Amino acid sequence: MTDTPIRIVLAKIGFDGHDRGLRMVARILRDAGCEVIYLGLRQTTENVVAVVEQEDADAVGLSMHNAQHLTLAPKMVESLRSAGLDVPVILGGVVPDQDIAALMESGVAVILGPGTSAEDVVRSVREAVTSRS
């Protein structure tokens, strides 16, 4: 990978209105030199895919606190694949341990839970992006 900054789209899909964690992640990634395209609340998978394509993004970061992670995260992975986009989906938020294997099998690249350090967020995003290159 070159010295080009990682471009990551951050979004909340569905009706979950808890965005404090995602806003913190946006700041962490910006401070680490990433280009963050912050879409905010109540996005659709279709809108996120369109922005990933338009912005030539390297990754998608989703935050979920509404217990719809088993539905919405795999849908995002599939929507990106259907659009011919090979970008990792990084999921943050509240994900029960028993759901992690199913999410990883569906194609989610990284799952970051509450309390993940800033260093681990940055490292995980960089590893997810470089593993695709």
Protein backbone atom coordinates (compact mmCIF):
# COMPACT_ATOMS: atom_id res chain seq x y z
CA MET A 1 0.00 0.00 0.00
CA THR A 2 1.19 3.51 -0.80
CA ASP A 3 1.24 6.52 1.50
CA THR A 4 -2.25 7.42 0.31
CA PRO A 5 -4.54 7.86 3.32
CA ILE A 6 -7.15 5.20 3.95
CA ARG A 7 -10.61 6.41 2.90
CA ILE A 8 -13.33 5.01 5.11
CA VAL A 9 -17.08 5.54 5.01
CA LEU A 10 -18.65 5.55 8.49
CA ALA A 11 -22.39 5.12 8.89
CA LYS A 12 -25.28 3.99 11.03
CA ILE A 13 -27.73 1.93 8.99
CA GLY A 14 -31.29 1.36 10.08
CA PHE A 15 -33.09 3.32 12.76
CA ASP A 16 -30.49 3.17 15.53
CA GLY A 17 -29.98 6.69 16.89
CA HIS A 18 -26.88 6.09 19.03
CA ASP A 19 -24.01 7.77 17.21
CA ARG A 20 -21.65 8.95 19.93
CA GLY A 21 -19.31 5.98 19.50
CA LEU A 22 -19.22 6.37 15.73
CA ARG A 23 -18.41 10.07 16.07
CA MET A 24 -15.55 9.16 18.41
CA VAL A 25 -14.24 6.59 15.91
CA ALA A 26 -14.42 9.22 13.15
CA ARG A 27 -12.20 11.53 15.20
CA ILE A 28 -9.78 8.71 16.08
CA LEU A 29 -9.40 7.75 12.44
CA ARG A 30 -9.05 11.37 11.27
CA ASP A 31 -6.38 11.97 13.90
CA ALA A 32 -4.57 8.87 12.58
CA GLY A 33 -4.49 10.32 9.07
CA CYS A 34 -7.48 8.56 7.51
CA GLU A 35 -9.92 10.33 5.24
CA VAL A 36 -13.30 9.84 6.88
CA ILE A 37 -16.56 10.18 5.00
CA TYR A 38 -19.08 10.41 7.84
CA LEU A 39 -22.63 9.69 6.73
CA GLY A 40 -24.19 9.71 10.16
CA LEU A 41 -27.54 8.30 11.22
CA ARG A 42 -30.32 6.43 9.46
CA GLN A 43 -28.52 5.44 6.29
CA THR A 44 -29.56 2.66 3.92
CA THR A 45 -27.23 0.00 2.59
CA GLU A 46 -27.91 1.34 -0.91
CA ASN A 47 -26.80 4.84 0.07
CA VAL A 48 -23.64 3.56 1.76
CA VAL A 49 -22.73 1.47 -1.30
CA ALA A 50 -23.27 4.47 -3.59
CA VAL A 51 -21.00 6.64 -1.44
CA VAL A 52 -18.32 3.93 -1.25
CA GLU A 53 -18.35 3.77 -5.03
CA GLN A 54 -18.41 7.56 -5.56
CA GLU A 55 -15.68 8.23 -3.00
CA ASP A 56 -13.52 5.24 -4.00
CA ALA A 57 -13.46 4.23 -0.34
CA ASP A 58 -11.15 1.56 1.06
CA ALA A 59 -13.45 0.39 3.86
CA VAL A 60 -16.86 0.74 5.47
CA GLY A 61 -17.31 1.19 9.19
CA LEU A 62 -20.72 0.48 10.68
CA SER A 63 -21.83 1.06 14.24
CA MET A 64 -24.73 -0.93 15.66
CA HIS A 65 -26.44 -0.83 19.00
CA ASN A 66 -29.91 -1.96 17.97
CA ALA A 67 -29.54 -5.75 17.89
CA GLN A 68 -29.92 -5.84 14.10
CA HIS A 69 -26.26 -6.66 13.45
CA LEU A 70 -27.03 -10.20 12.26
CA THR A 71 -29.29 -8.79 9.56
CA LEU A 72 -27.81 -5.44 8.59
CA ALA A 73 -24.08 -6.20 8.60
CA PRO A 74 -24.35 -9.27 6.29
CA LYS A 75 -26.69 -7.26 4.05
CA MET A 76 -24.02 -4.55 3.77
CA VAL A 77 -21.35 -7.13 2.88
CA GLU A 78 -23.59 -8.66 0.22
CA SER A 79 -24.62 -5.27 -1.18
CA LEU A 80 -20.98 -4.25 -1.59
CA ARG A 81 -20.13 -7.56 -3.27
CA SER A 82 -23.13 -7.27 -5.59
CA ALA A 83 -21.87 -3.84 -6.64
CA GLY A 84 -18.46 -5.35 -7.40
CA LEU A 85 -16.78 -3.56 -4.49
CA ASP A 86 -14.15 -5.46 -2.53
CA VAL A 87 -13.94 -3.33 0.61
CA PRO A 88 -13.88 -4.63 4.17
CA VAL A 89 -16.81 -4.04 6.49
CA ILE A 90 -15.75 -3.14 10.00
CA LEU A 91 -18.45 -3.45 12.62
CA GLY A 92 -18.44 -1.64 15.93
CA GLY A 93 -20.90 -1.54 18.75
CA VAL A 94 -22.62 -4.02 20.96
CA VAL A 95 -22.25 -7.51 19.49
CA PRO A 96 -22.84 -10.53 21.73
CA ASP A 97 -19.99 -13.05 21.71
CA GLN A 98 -22.28 -15.78 20.36
CA ASP A 99 -22.92 -13.70 17.20
CA ILE A 100 -19.30 -13.06 16.26
CA ALA A 101 -18.69 -16.30 14.34
CA ALA A 102 -21.80 -15.83 12.18
CA LEU A 103 -20.82 -12.25 11.37
CA MET A 104 -17.28 -13.23 10.43
CA GLU A 105 -18.62 -16.07 8.26
CA SER A 106 -20.91 -13.58 6.51
CA GLY A 107 -17.87 -11.56 5.47
CA VAL A 108 -17.53 -8.92 8.18
CA ALA A 109 -13.78 -8.24 8.38
CA VAL A 110 -13.45 -6.88 11.92
CA ILE A 111 -15.67 -6.56 14.97
CA LEU A 112 -14.78 -3.91 17.54
CA GLY A 113 -16.67 -3.90 20.81
CA PRO A 114 -17.20 -1.28 23.48
CA GLY A 115 -13.97 -0.19 25.12
CA THR A 116 -11.72 -0.91 22.14
CA SER A 117 -8.70 1.36 22.41
CA ALA A 118 -7.97 4.04 19.82
CA GLU A 119 -4.78 2.21 18.88
CA ASP A 120 -6.69 -1.02 18.28
CA VAL A 121 -9.30 0.79 16.16
CA VAL A 122 -6.61 2.28 13.91
CA ARG A 123 -4.61 -0.95 13.72
CA SER A 124 -7.71 -3.02 12.89
CA VAL A 125 -8.79 -0.67 10.12
CA ARG A 126 -5.31 -0.58 8.61
CA GLU A 127 -5.00 -4.37 8.75
CA ALA A 128 -8.43 -4.88 7.22
CA VAL A 129 -7.62 -2.55 4.33
CA THR A 130 -4.09 -3.82 3.68
CA SER A 131 -5.21 -7.46 3.74
CA ARG A 132 -7.42 -6.67 0.71
CA SER A 133 -4.66 -4.97 -1.27
